[in-house]
PDB file of N, CA and C in Angstrom:
ATOM      1  N   MET A   1      53.631 185.974 -80.525  1.00  0.00           N
ATOM      2  CA  MET A   1      53.781 184.953 -81.347  1.00  0.00           C
ATOM      3  C   MET A   1      53.458 183.743 -80.758  1.00  0.00           C
ATOM      4  N   THR A   2      52.016 182.696 -80.882  1.00  0.00           N
ATOM      5  CA  THR A   2      51.963 181.506 -80.504  1.00  0.00           C
ATOM      6  C   THR A   2      53.222 180.257 -80.875  1.00  0.00           C
ATOM      7  N   ARG A   3      53.329 179.121 -79.873  1.00  0.00           N
ATOM      8  CA  ARG A   3      54.518 178.548 -80.700  1.00  0.00           C
ATOM      9  C   ARG A   3      54.184 176.893 -81.135  1.00  0.00           C
ATOM     10  N   VAL A   4      54.596 176.854 -82.395  1.00  0.00           N
ATOM     11  CA  VAL A   4      54.026 175.603 -83.182  1.00  0.00           C
ATOM     12  C   VAL A   4      55.200 174.695 -82.879  1.00  0.00           C
ATOM     13  N   LYS A   5      54.386 173.332 -82.247  1.00  0.00           N
ATOM     14  CA  LYS A   5      55.238 172.080 -82.744  1.00  0.00           C
ATOM     15  C   LYS A   5      55.364 171.364 -83.859  1.00  0.00           C
ATOM     16  N   THR A   6      56.010 170.691 -84.249  1.00  0.00           N
ATOM     17  CA  THR A   6      56.292 170.417 -85.585  1.00  0.00           C
ATOM     18  C   THR A   6      55.825 168.838 -85.531  1.00  0.00           C
ATOM     19  N   GLY A   7      55.149 168.459 -84.213  1.00  0.00           N
ATOM     20  CA  GLY A   7      54.633 167.073 -84.247  1.00  0.00           C
ATOM     21  C   GLY A   7      54.655 166.045 -85.440  1.00  0.00           C
ATOM     22  N   PHE A   8      53.698 165.346 -86.536  1.00  0.00           N
ATOM     23  CA  PHE A   8      54.018 164.613 -87.195  1.00  0.00           C
ATOM     24  C   PHE A   8      54.295 164.819 -88.170  1.00  0.00           C
ATOM     25  N   VAL A   9      54.697 166.044 -88.306  1.00  0.00           N
ATOM     26  CA  VAL A   9      55.492 166.760 -89.619  1.00  0.00           C
ATOM     27  C   VAL A   9      56.962 166.193 -89.562  1.00  0.00           C
ATOM     28  N   ARG A  10      57.468 166.417 -88.517  1.00  0.00           N
ATOM     29  CA  ARG A  10      58.848 166.454 -88.340  1.00  0.00           C
ATOM     30  C   ARG A  10      58.853 164.473 -88.235  1.00  0.00           C
ATOM     31  N   ARG A  11      58.522 163.726 -88.310  1.00  0.00           N
ATOM     32  CA  ARG A  11      58.620 162.580 -87.861  1.00  0.00           C
ATOM     33  C   ARG A  11      58.688 162.075 -89.258  1.00  0.00           C
ATOM     34  N   ARG A  12      57.116 162.267 -90.166  1.00  0.00           N
ATOM     35  CA  ARG A  12      56.824 161.780 -91.577  1.00  0.00           C
ATOM     36  C   ARG A  12      58.402 162.046 -92.171  1.00  0.00           C
ATOM     37  N   SER A  13      58.587 163.314 -91.654  1.00  0.00           N
ATOM     38  CA  SER A  13      59.745 163.390 -92.730  1.00  0.00           C
ATOM     39  C   SER A  13      61.014 162.712 -92.517  1.00  0.00           C
ATOM     40  N   HIS A  14      61.243 162.330 -91.085  1.00  0.00           N
ATOM     41  CA  HIS A  14      62.320 161.302 -90.927  1.00  0.00           C
ATOM     42  C   HIS A  14      62.022 160.476 -91.011  1.00  0.00           C
ATOM     43  N   LYS A  15      61.143 159.837 -91.139  1.00  0.00           N
ATOM     44  CA  LYS A  15      60.322 158.272 -91.429  1.00  0.00           C
ATOM     45  C   LYS A  15      61.172 158.160 -93.110  1.00  0.00           C
ATOM     46  N   LYS A  16      60.773 159.239 -93.837  1.00  0.00           N
ATOM     47  CA  LYS A  16      61.206 159.252 -95.217  1.00  0.00           C
ATOM     48  C   LYS A  16      62.433 158.855 -95.480  1.00  0.00           C
ATOM     49  N   VAL A  17      63.370 159.807 -94.808  1.00  0.00           N
ATOM     50  CA  VAL A  17      64.753 159.624 -94.927  1.00  0.00           C
ATOM     51  C   VAL A  17      65.036 157.826 -94.202  1.00  0.00           C
ATOM     52  N   LEU A  18      64.926 157.632 -93.222  1.00  0.00           N
ATOM     53  CA  LEU A  18      64.704 156.657 -92.351  1.00  0.00           C
ATOM     54  C   LEU A  18      65.137 155.541 -93.170  1.00  0.00           C
ATOM     55  N   ALA A  19      63.710 155.471 -93.964  1.00  0.00           N
ATOM     56  CA  ALA A  19      63.275 154.682 -95.129  1.00  0.00           C
ATOM     57  C   ALA A  19      64.140 154.362 -96.263  1.00  0.00           C
ATOM     58  N   MET A  20      64.630 155.445 -96.376  1.00  0.00           N
ATOM     59  CA  MET A  20      65.556 155.180 -97.803  1.00  0.00           C
ATOM     60  C   MET A  20      67.015 154.775 -97.795  1.00  0.00           C
ATOM     61  N   THR A  21      66.835 155.401 -96.213  1.00  0.00           N
ATOM     62  CA  THR A  21      68.979 154.800 -95.912  1.00  0.00           C
ATOM     63  C   THR A  21      68.140 153.151 -95.117  1.00  0.00           C
ATOM     64  N   LYS A  22      67.605 152.771 -94.667  1.00  0.00           N
ATOM     65  CA  LYS A  22      66.968 151.159 -94.600  1.00  0.00           C
ATOM     66  C   LYS A  22      67.749 150.714 -95.011  1.00  0.00           C
ATOM     67  N   GLY A  23      68.664 149.374 -94.433  1.00  0.00           N
ATOM     68  CA  GLY A  23      70.164 148.746 -94.492  1.00  0.00           C
ATOM     69  C   GLY A  23      71.509 148.923 -94.888  1.00  0.00           C
ATOM     70  N   GLN A  24      71.527 150.418 -94.760  1.00  0.00           N
ATOM     71  CA  GLN A  24      72.804 151.152 -94.884  1.00  0.00           C
ATOM     72  C   GLN A  24      73.641 150.936 -93.154  1.00  0.00           C
ATOM     73  N   TRP A  25      75.015 150.217 -93.563  1.00  0.00           N
ATOM     74  CA  TRP A  25      75.833 149.666 -92.005  1.00  0.00           C
ATOM     75  C   TRP A  25      76.065 150.758 -90.990  1.00  0.00           C
ATOM     76  N   GLY A  26      76.250 150.450 -89.936  1.00  0.00           N
ATOM     77  CA  GLY A  26      76.056 151.101 -88.465  1.00  0.00           C
ATOM     78  C   GLY A  26      74.945 152.050 -88.544  1.00  0.00           C
ATOM     79  N   THR A  27      75.076 153.232 -87.866  1.00  0.00           N
ATOM     80  CA  THR A  27      73.863 154.340 -87.351  1.00  0.00           C
ATOM     81  C   THR A  27      73.770 155.121 -88.824  1.00  0.00           C
ATOM     82  N   ARG A  28      74.170 154.708 -89.944  1.00  0.00           N
ATOM     83  CA  ARG A  28      73.424 154.826 -90.966  1.00  0.00           C
ATOM     84  C   ARG A  28      72.264 154.533 -91.811  1.00  0.00           C
ATOM     85  N   GLY A  29      71.758 154.074 -90.818  1.00  0.00           N
ATOM     86  CA  GLY A  29      70.441 153.153 -91.143  1.00  0.00           C
ATOM     87  C   GLY A  29      69.616 153.709 -90.314  1.00  0.00           C
ATOM     88  N   ARG A  30      70.123 154.260 -88.968  1.00  0.00           N
ATOM     89  CA  ARG A  30      69.231 153.957 -87.454  1.00  0.00           C
ATOM     90  C   ARG A  30      69.287 155.883 -87.151  1.00  0.00           C
ATOM     91  N   LEU A  31      70.258 156.568 -86.964  1.00  0.00           N
ATOM     92  CA  LEU A  31      70.013 157.769 -86.723  1.00  0.00           C
ATOM     93  C   LEU A  31      69.462 158.788 -87.670  1.00  0.00           C
ATOM     94  N   PHE A  32      68.718 159.818 -87.506  1.00  0.00           N
ATOM     95  CA  PHE A  32      68.382 160.277 -88.569  1.00  0.00           C
ATOM     96  C   PHE A  32      69.309 161.183 -89.331  1.00  0.00           C
ATOM     97  N   ARG A  33      69.926 161.866 -88.124  1.00  0.00           N
ATOM     98  CA  ARG A  33      71.672 162.616 -88.548  1.00  0.00           C
ATOM     99  C   ARG A  33      72.085 162.065 -89.656  1.00  0.00           C
ATOM    100  N   ARG A  34      72.999 160.831 -89.527  1.00  0.00           N
ATOM    101  CA  ARG A  34      73.661 160.155 -89.877  1.00  0.00           C
ATOM    102  C   ARG A  34      73.083 159.404 -91.537  1.00  0.00           C
ATOM    103  N   SER A  35      71.542 159.305 -91.102  1.00  0.00           N
ATOM    104  CA  SER A  35      71.199 159.069 -92.297  1.00  0.00           C
ATOM    105  C   SER A  35      71.077 159.593 -93.420  1.00  0.00           C
ATOM    106  N   ASN A  36      70.793 161.314 -92.899  1.00  0.00           N
ATOM    107  CA  ASN A  36      70.302 161.898 -93.491  1.00  0.00           C
ATOM    108  C   ASN A  36      71.822 163.047 -94.739  1.00  0.00           C
ATOM    109  N   GLU A  37      72.718 162.547 -94.108  1.00  0.00           N
ATOM    110  CA  GLU A  37      74.098 162.983 -94.774  1.00  0.00           C
ATOM    111  C   GLU A  37      74.332 161.639 -95.561  1.00  0.00           C
ATOM    112  N   ALA A  38      74.079 160.351 -95.151  1.00  0.00           N
ATOM    113  CA  ALA A  38      74.331 159.137 -96.229  1.00  0.00           C
ATOM    114  C   ALA A  38      73.086 159.353 -97.146  1.00  0.00           C
ATOM    115  N   MET A  39      72.256 159.535 -97.130  1.00  0.00           N
ATOM    116  CA  MET A  39      71.173 160.033 -98.000  1.00  0.00           C
ATOM    117  C   MET A  39      71.420 160.610 -99.150  1.00  0.00           C
ATOM    118  N   LEU A  40      71.916 161.955 -98.366  1.00  0.00           N
ATOM    119  CA  LEU A  40      72.446 163.046 -99.718  1.00  0.00           C
ATOM    120  C   LEU A  40      73.489 162.582-100.512  1.00  0.00           C
ATOM    121  N   LYS A  41      74.313 162.088 -99.977  1.00  0.00           N
ATOM    122  CA  LYS A  41      75.392 161.879-100.511  1.00  0.00           C
ATOM    123  C   LYS A  41      75.111 160.674-101.521  1.00  0.00           C
ATOM    124  N   SER A  42      74.385 159.923-100.988  1.00  0.00           N
ATOM    125  CA  SER A  42      73.793 158.600-102.102  1.00  0.00           C
ATOM    126  C   SER A  42      73.196 159.193-103.255  1.00  0.00           C
ATOM    127  N   LEU A  43      72.433 160.058-103.267  1.00  0.00           N
ATOM    128  CA  LEU A  43      72.024 160.983-104.202  1.00  0.00           C
ATOM    129  C   LEU A  43      72.671 161.309-105.033  1.00  0.00           C
ATOM    130  N   TRP A  44      73.548 161.890-104.351  1.00  0.00           N
ATOM    131  CA  TRP A  44      74.850 163.139-105.137  1.00  0.00           C
ATOM    132  C   TRP A  44      75.345 161.626-105.814  1.00  0.00           C
ATOM    133  N   TYR A  45      76.103 161.176-105.587  1.00  0.00           N
ATOM    134  CA  TYR A  45      77.011 159.771-105.833  1.00  0.00           C
ATOM    135  C   TYR A  45      75.816 158.906-107.180  1.00  0.00           C
ATOM    136  N   SER A  46      74.369 158.910-107.062  1.00  0.00           N
ATOM    137  CA  SER A  46      73.430 158.059-108.311  1.00  0.00           C
ATOM    138  C   SER A  46      73.367 159.213-109.349  1.00  0.00           C
ATOM    139  N   TYR A  47      73.343 160.364-109.064  1.00  0.00           N
ATOM    140  CA  TYR A  47      73.205 161.437-110.228  1.00  0.00           C
ATOM    141  C   TYR A  47      74.813 161.430-110.961  1.00  0.00           C
ATOM    142  N   ARG A  48      75.609 161.213-110.119  1.00  0.00           N
ATOM    143  CA  ARG A  48      77.121 161.860-111.159  1.00  0.00           C
ATOM    144  C   ARG A  48      77.243 160.380-111.626  1.00  0.00           C
ATOM    145  N   ASP A  49      76.871 159.560-110.939  1.00  0.00           N
ATOM    146  CA  ASP A  49      77.196 157.698-111.839  1.00  0.00           C
ATOM    147  C   ASP A  49      76.022 157.713-112.799  1.00  0.00           C
ATOM    148  N   ARG A  50      75.040 158.139-113.444  1.00  0.00           N
ATOM    149  CA  ARG A  50      74.500 157.643-113.963  1.00  0.00           C
ATOM    150  C   ARG A  50      74.807 158.082-115.373  1.00  0.00           C
ATOM    151  N   ARG A  51      75.542 159.888-115.312  1.00  0.00           N
ATOM    152  CA  ARG A  51      76.455 159.889-116.608  1.00  0.00           C
ATOM    153  C   ARG A  51      77.865 159.556-116.487  1.00  0.00           C
ATOM    154  N   ASN A  52      78.468 158.905-115.584  1.00  0.00           N
ATOM    155  CA  ASN A  52      79.309 158.255-115.392  1.00  0.00           C
ATOM    156  C   ASN A  52      79.301 156.739-116.839  1.00  0.00           C
ATOM    157  N   ARG A  53      77.992 156.509-116.546  1.00  0.00           N
ATOM    158  CA  ARG A  53      77.634 154.950-116.864  1.00  0.00           C
ATOM    159  C   ARG A  53      77.595 155.507-118.976  1.00  0.00           C
ATOM    160  N   ARG A  54      77.204 156.028-118.780  1.00  0.00           N
ATOM    161  CA  ARG A  54      76.514 156.640-119.979  1.00  0.00           C
ATOM    162  C   ARG A  54      78.366 157.284-121.055  1.00  0.00           C
ATOM    163  N   ARG A  55      79.162 157.470-120.216  1.00  0.00           N
ATOM    164  CA  ARG A  55      80.337 157.546-120.317  1.00  0.00           C
ATOM    165  C   ARG A  55      81.185 156.433-120.840  1.00  0.00           C
ATOM    166  N   ALA A  56      81.125 155.773-119.542  1.00  0.00           N
ATOM    167  CA  ALA A  56      81.954 154.278-120.075  1.00  0.00           C
ATOM    168  C   ALA A  56      81.308 153.799-121.097  1.00  0.00           C
ATOM    169  N   LEU A  57      80.142 153.340-120.999  1.00  0.00           N
ATOM    170  CA  LEU A  57      79.334 152.871-122.034  1.00  0.00           C
ATOM    171  C   LEU A  57      79.740 152.898-123.788  1.00  0.00           C
ATOM    172  N   ARG A  58      79.560 154.310-123.595  1.00  0.00           N
ATOM    173  CA  ARG A  58      80.466 155.103-125.007  1.00  0.00           C
ATOM    174  C   ARG A  58      81.735 154.420-125.614  1.00  0.00           C
ATOM    175  N   ARG A  59      82.604 154.630-124.218  1.00  0.00           N
ATOM    176  CA  ARG A  59      83.944 154.198-124.847  1.00  0.00           C
ATOM    177  C   ARG A  59      84.344 151.998-124.819  1.00  0.00           C
ATOM    178  N   LEU A  60      82.997 151.919-124.164  1.00  0.00           N
ATOM    179  CA  LEU A  60      83.415 150.619-124.371  1.00  0.00           C
ATOM    180  C   LEU A  60      82.339 150.088-126.032  1.00  0.00           C
ATOM    181  N   TRP A  61      81.396 150.980-126.715  1.00  0.00           N
ATOM    182  CA  TRP A  61      80.808 150.566-127.659  1.00  0.00           C
ATOM    183  C   TRP A  61      81.993 150.950-128.791  1.00  0.00           C
ATOM    184  N   ILE A  62      83.335 151.824-128.418  1.00  0.00           N
ATOM    185  CA  ILE A  62      83.774 152.730-129.139  1.00  0.00           C
ATOM    186  C   ILE A  62      85.430 151.570-129.406  1.00  0.00           C
ATOM    187  N   THR A  63      85.372 150.970-128.323  1.00  0.00           N
ATOM    188  CA  THR A  63      86.331 149.870-128.193  1.00  0.00           C
ATOM    189  C   THR A  63      86.351 148.702-128.977  1.00  0.00           C
ATOM    190  N   ARG A  64      84.735 148.608-129.089  1.00  0.00           N
ATOM    191  CA  ARG A  64      84.136 146.782-130.101  1.00  0.00           C
ATOM    192  C   ARG A  64      84.284 147.710-131.254  1.00  0.00           C
ATOM    193  N   ILE A  65      83.910 148.486-131.377  1.00  0.00           N
ATOM    194  CA  ILE A  65      84.006 149.137-133.274  1.00  0.00           C
ATOM    195  C   ILE A  65      85.424 149.219-133.537  1.00  0.00           C
ATOM    196  N   ASN A  66      86.368 149.571-132.680  1.00  0.00           N
ATOM    197  CA  ASN A  66      87.674 149.692-133.489  1.00  0.00           C
ATOM    198  C   ASN A  66      88.231 148.522-133.550  1.00  0.00           C
ATOM    199  N   ALA A  67      87.942 147.046-132.692  1.00  0.00           N
ATOM    200  CA  ALA A  67      88.420 145.830-132.868  1.00  0.00           C
ATOM    201  C   ALA A  67      87.806 145.327-133.818  1.00  0.00           C
ATOM    202  N   GLY A  68      86.437 145.780-134.311  1.00  0.00           N
ATOM    203  CA  GLY A  68      85.825 144.992-135.367  1.00  0.00           C
ATOM    204  C   GLY A  68      86.482 145.814-136.866  1.00  0.00           C
ATOM    205  N   ALA A  69      87.148 146.691-136.920  1.00  0.00           N
ATOM    206  CA  ALA A  69      86.970 147.557-138.099  1.00  0.00           C
ATOM    207  C   ALA A  69      88.485 147.154-138.300  1.00  0.00           C
ATOM    208  N   HIS A  70      89.592 147.131-136.957  1.00  0.00           N
ATOM    209  CA  HIS A  70      90.703 146.362-136.939  1.00  0.00           C
ATOM    210  C   HIS A  70      91.164 145.061-137.904  1.00  0.00           C
ATOM    211  N   LEU A  71      89.821 144.591-137.665  1.00  0.00           N
ATOM    212  CA  LEU A  71      89.813 143.047-138.483  1.00  0.00           C
ATOM    213  C   LEU A  71      89.497 143.156-139.789  1.00  0.00           C
ATOM    214  N   HIS A  72      88.682 144.315-140.186  1.00  0.00           N
ATOM    215  CA  HIS A  72      89.189 144.533-141.763  1.00  0.00           C
ATOM    216  C   HIS A  72      89.690 145.650-142.619  1.00  0.00           C
ATOM    217  N   GLY A  73      90.901 145.940-142.066  1.00  0.00           N
ATOM    218  CA  GLY A  73      91.985 146.727-142.046  1.00  0.00           C
ATOM    219  C   GLY A  73      91.954 148.111-142.124  1.00  0.00           C
ATOM    220  N   LEU A  74      90.954 148.621-141.180  1.00  0.00           N
ATOM    221  CA  LEU A  74      90.289 150.242-140.703  1.00  0.00           C
ATOM    222  C   LEU A  74      90.943 150.073-139.269  1.00  0.00           C
ATOM    223  N   ASN A  75      91.037 151.292-139.096  1.00  0.00           N
ATOM    224  CA  ASN A  75      91.045 151.714-137.693  1.00  0.00           C
ATOM    225  C   ASN A  75      89.517 152.436-137.360  1.00  0.00           C
ATOM    226  N   TYR A  76      89.019 153.001-136.355  1.00  0.00           N
ATOM    227  CA  TYR A  76      87.870 153.584-136.053  1.00  0.00           C
ATOM    228  C   TYR A  76      88.026 154.517-136.582  1.00  0.00           C
ATOM    229  N   SER A  77      88.590 155.459-136.258  1.00  0.00           N
ATOM    230  CA  SER A  77      88.080 157.014-137.435  1.00  0.00           C
ATOM    231  C   SER A  77      88.350 156.824-138.488  1.00  0.00           C
ATOM    232  N   ARG A  78      88.686 155.730-139.127  1.00  0.00           N
ATOM    233  CA  ARG A  78      88.474 155.832-140.762  1.00  0.00           C
ATOM    234  C   ARG A  78      87.335 155.037-140.762  1.00  0.00           C
ATOM    235  N   PHE A  79      87.115 154.319-139.837  1.00  0.00           N
ATOM    236  CA  PHE A  79      85.573 153.524-140.381  1.00  0.00           C
ATOM    237  C   PHE A  79      84.607 154.426-140.536  1.00  0.00           C
ATOM    238  N   MET A  80      84.827 155.275-139.078  1.00  0.00           N
ATOM    239  CA  MET A  80      83.482 155.920-138.833  1.00  0.00           C
ATOM    240  C   MET A  80      83.296 157.554-139.774  1.00  0.00           C
ATOM    241  N   TYR A  81      84.519 157.811-140.609  1.00  0.00           N
ATOM    242  CA  TYR A  81      84.238 158.948-141.794  1.00  0.00           C
ATOM    243  C   TYR A  81      84.031 157.938-142.832  1.00  0.00           C
ATOM    244  N   GLY A  82      84.050 156.889-142.945  1.00  0.00           N
ATOM    245  CA  GLY A  82      83.196 156.385-144.231  1.00  0.00           C
ATOM    246  C   GLY A  82      81.974 156.047-144.364  1.00  0.00           C
ATOM    247  N   LEU A  83      81.901 155.490-142.832  1.00  0.00           N
ATOM    248  CA  LEU A  83      80.409 155.427-142.854  1.00  0.00           C
ATOM    249  C   LEU A  83      79.650 156.711-142.779  1.00  0.00           C
ATOM    250  N   LYS A  84      80.274 157.889-142.544  1.00  0.00           N
ATOM    251  CA  LYS A  84      79.455 158.953-142.522  1.00  0.00           C
ATOM    252  C   LYS A  84      79.264 159.522-143.809  1.00  0.00           C
ATOM    253  N   LYS A  85      80.524 159.292-144.642  1.00  0.00           N
ATOM    254  CA  LYS A  85      80.767 159.896-146.301  1.00  0.00           C
ATOM    255  C   LYS A  85      79.328 159.065-146.833  1.00  0.00           C
ATOM    256  N   ALA A  86      79.349 157.766-146.146  1.00  0.00           N
ATOM    257  CA  ALA A  86      78.181 156.984-147.244  1.00  0.00           C
ATOM    258  C   ALA A  86      77.239 157.230-147.121  1.00  0.00           C
ATOM    259  N   GLY A  87      76.745 157.753-146.085  1.00  0.00           N
ATOM    260  CA  GLY A  87      75.572 158.609-145.523  1.00  0.00           C
ATOM    261  C   GLY A  87      74.601 157.508-144.275  1.00  0.00           C
ATOM    262  N   VAL A  88      75.577 156.738-143.989  1.00  0.00           N
ATOM    263  CA  VAL A  88      74.804 155.265-143.249  1.00  0.00           C
ATOM    264  C   VAL A  88      74.508 156.154-141.530  1.00  0.00           C
ATOM    265  N   VAL A  89      73.470 155.808-141.112  1.00  0.00           N
ATOM    266  CA  VAL A  89      73.313 156.674-140.031  1.00  0.00           C
ATOM    267  C   VAL A  89      73.225 156.200-138.945  1.00  0.00           C
ATOM    268  N   LEU A  90      74.020 154.814-138.596  1.00  0.00           N
ATOM    269  CA  LEU A  90      74.100 154.018-136.966  1.00  0.00           C
ATOM    270  C   LEU A  90      74.711 154.765-136.009  1.00  0.00           C
ATOM    271  N   ASP A  91      74.151 154.408-134.932  1.00  0.00           N
ATOM    272  CA  ASP A  91      74.659 155.181-134.051  1.00  0.00           C
ATOM    273  C   ASP A  91      75.741 153.903-133.169  1.00  0.00           C
ATOM    274  N   ARG A  92      76.603 154.653-131.856  1.00  0.00           N
ATOM    275  CA  ARG A  92      77.909 153.050-131.854  1.00  0.00           C
ATOM    276  C   ARG A  92      77.305 152.233-131.363  1.00  0.00           C
ATOM    277  N   LYS A  93      75.996 152.439-130.340  1.00  0.00           N
ATOM    278  CA  LYS A  93      75.596 151.257-129.708  1.00  0.00           C
ATOM    279  C   LYS A  93      74.892 150.161-130.619  1.00  0.00           C
ATOM    280  N   ILE A  94      74.605 151.008-132.200  1.00  0.00           N
ATOM    281  CA  ILE A  94      74.543 149.911-132.932  1.00  0.00           C
ATOM    282  C   ILE A  94      75.250 149.038-133.470  1.00  0.00           C
ATOM    283  N   LEU A  95      76.165 149.482-134.009  1.00  0.00           N
ATOM    284  CA  LEU A  95      77.462 149.110-134.732  1.00  0.00           C
ATOM    285  C   LEU A  95      78.174 148.547-133.503  1.00  0.00           C
ATOM    286  N   SER A  96      78.477 148.744-132.603  1.00  0.00           N
ATOM    287  CA  SER A  96      79.067 147.896-131.532  1.00  0.00           C
ATOM    288  C   SER A  96      78.133 146.580-131.238  1.00  0.00           C
ATOM    289  N   ASP A  97      76.628 146.060-131.519  1.00  0.00           N
ATOM    290  CA  ASP A  97      76.095 145.215-131.560  1.00  0.00           C
ATOM    291  C   ASP A  97      76.247 144.366-132.493  1.00  0.00           C
ATOM    292  N   ILE A  98      76.563 144.811-133.525  1.00  0.00           N
ATOM    293  CA  ILE A  98      76.531 144.325-135.165  1.00  0.00           C
ATOM    294  C   ILE A  98      77.731 144.057-134.965  1.00  0.00           C
ATOM    295  N   ALA A  99      78.900 144.500-134.139  1.00  0.00           N
ATOM    296  CA  ALA A  99      80.601 143.929-134.095  1.00  0.00           C
ATOM    297  C   ALA A  99      80.996 142.821-133.446  1.00  0.00           C
ATOM    298  N   ILE A 100      79.832 142.887-133.187  1.00  0.00           N
ATOM    299  CA  ILE A 100      79.540 141.513-131.917  1.00  0.00           C
ATOM    300  C   ILE A 100      78.776 140.444-132.727  1.00  0.00           C
ATOM    301  N   ARG A 101      77.731 140.362-132.611  1.00  0.00           N
ATOM    302  CA  ARG A 101      76.951 139.427-133.266  1.00  0.00           C
ATOM    303  C   ARG A 101      77.024 139.144-134.590  1.00  0.00           C
ATOM    304  N   ASP A 102      77.065 139.871-135.566  1.00  0.00           N
ATOM    305  CA  ASP A 102      76.850 139.672-136.971  1.00  0.00           C
ATOM    306  C   ASP A 102      78.460 139.714-137.682  1.00  0.00           C
ATOM    307  N   ALA A 103      79.184 139.400-137.597  1.00  0.00           N
ATOM    308  CA  ALA A 103      80.136 139.525-137.827  1.00  0.00           C
ATOM    309  C   ALA A 103      80.087 139.932-140.137  1.00  0.00           C
ATOM    310  N   ASP A 104      79.126 139.290-140.552  1.00  0.00           N
ATOM    311  CA  ASP A 104      79.530 139.136-141.922  1.00  0.00           C
ATOM    312  C   ASP A 104      78.472 140.611-142.557  1.00  0.00           C
ATOM    313  N   THR A 105      77.743 141.105-141.674  1.00  0.00           N
ATOM    314  CA  THR A 105      77.081 142.564-141.885  1.00  0.00           C
ATOM    315  C   THR A 105      78.605 143.516-141.275  1.00  0.00           C
ATOM    316  N   PHE A 106      79.134 143.439-140.631  1.00  0.00           N
ATOM    317  CA  PHE A 106      79.744 144.029-140.079  1.00  0.00           C
ATOM    318  C   PHE A 106      81.027 144.256-141.388  1.00  0.00           C
ATOM    319  N   ARG A 107      81.160 142.939-141.744  1.00  0.00           N
ATOM    320  CA  ARG A 107      81.964 143.065-143.227  1.00  0.00           C
ATOM    321  C   ARG A 107      81.842 144.452-144.172  1.00  0.00           C
ATOM    322  N   LYS A 108      80.622 144.053-144.583  1.00  0.00           N
ATOM    323  CA  LYS A 108      79.584 144.682-145.507  1.00  0.00           C
ATOM    324  C   LYS A 108      79.764 145.924-145.086  1.00  0.00           C
ATOM    325  N   LEU A 109      79.717 146.894-143.981  1.00  0.00           N
ATOM    326  CA  LEU A 109      79.952 148.053-143.341  1.00  0.00           C
ATOM    327  C   LEU A 109      81.267 148.501-144.061  1.00  0.00           C
ATOM    328  N   ALA A 110      82.125 147.223-143.438  1.00  0.00           N
ATOM    329  CA  ALA A 110      83.663 148.145-143.230  1.00  0.00           C
ATOM    330  C   ALA A 110      84.280 148.582-145.182  1.00  0.00           C
ATOM    331  N   ALA A 111      83.460 147.514-145.981  1.00  0.00           N
ATOM    332  CA  ALA A 111      83.385 147.318-147.132  1.00  0.00           C
ATOM    333  C   ALA A 111      83.145 148.638-148.146  1.00  0.00           C
ATOM    334  N   LEU A 112      81.672 149.025-147.329  1.00  0.00           N
ATOM    335  CA  LEU A 112      81.020 150.645-147.618  1.00  0.00           C
ATOM    336  C   LEU A 112      81.758 151.209-147.361  1.00  0.00           C
ATOM    337  N   SER A 113      82.360 151.863-145.531  1.00  0.00           N
ATOM    338  CA  SER A 113      83.219 152.660-145.680  1.00  0.00           C
ATOM    339  C   SER A 113      84.320 152.899-146.445  1.00  0.00           C
ATOM    340  N   GLN A 114      85.269 151.976-146.153  1.00  0.00           N
ATOM    341  CA  GLN A 114      86.573 151.805-147.288  1.00  0.00           C
ATOM    342  C   GLN A 114      86.138 152.510-148.711  1.00  0.00           C
ATOM    343  N   GLN A 115      84.836 151.815-149.420  1.00  0.00           N
ATOM    344  CA  GLN A 115      84.714 152.536-150.972  1.00  0.00           C
ATOM    345  C   GLN A 115      84.522 153.484-150.839  1.00  0.00           C
ATOM    346  N   SER A 116      83.862 154.593-149.875  1.00  0.00           N
ATOM    347  CA  SER A 116      83.356 155.687-149.873  1.00  0.00           C
ATOM    348  C   SER A 116      83.984 156.919-149.646  1.00  0.00           C
ATOM    349  N   GLN A 117      85.656 156.213-148.935  1.00  0.00           N
ATOM    350  CA  GLN A 117      86.379 157.233-148.663  1.00  0.00           C
ATOM    351  C   GLN A 117      87.409 157.763-150.159  1.00  0.00           C
TER     352      GLN A 117
END
């Protein structure tokens, strides 16, 4: 079998990896093997942390809704239960935003939630 050299194909793939890790500390941005390890790790971290960000934001929204509900004599679970029974279909992101920006509307939602329990 004849010998085949990788030539420009290897160089192209190495350049791609080195471009992705450009600006990293030390040899992680200069040497291919270190760069490849750093790139694989960073891609895994970014995948994992996209999910963690959604988790963290949901916790933040729930905390804000709970704080707003406590101002009107309800806790979070009672507030959400009342809204569900009343047929209000607002997600936690929107409810959190209403709790922060529009206290009057949130007060009406809290009253509706209490009334429908």
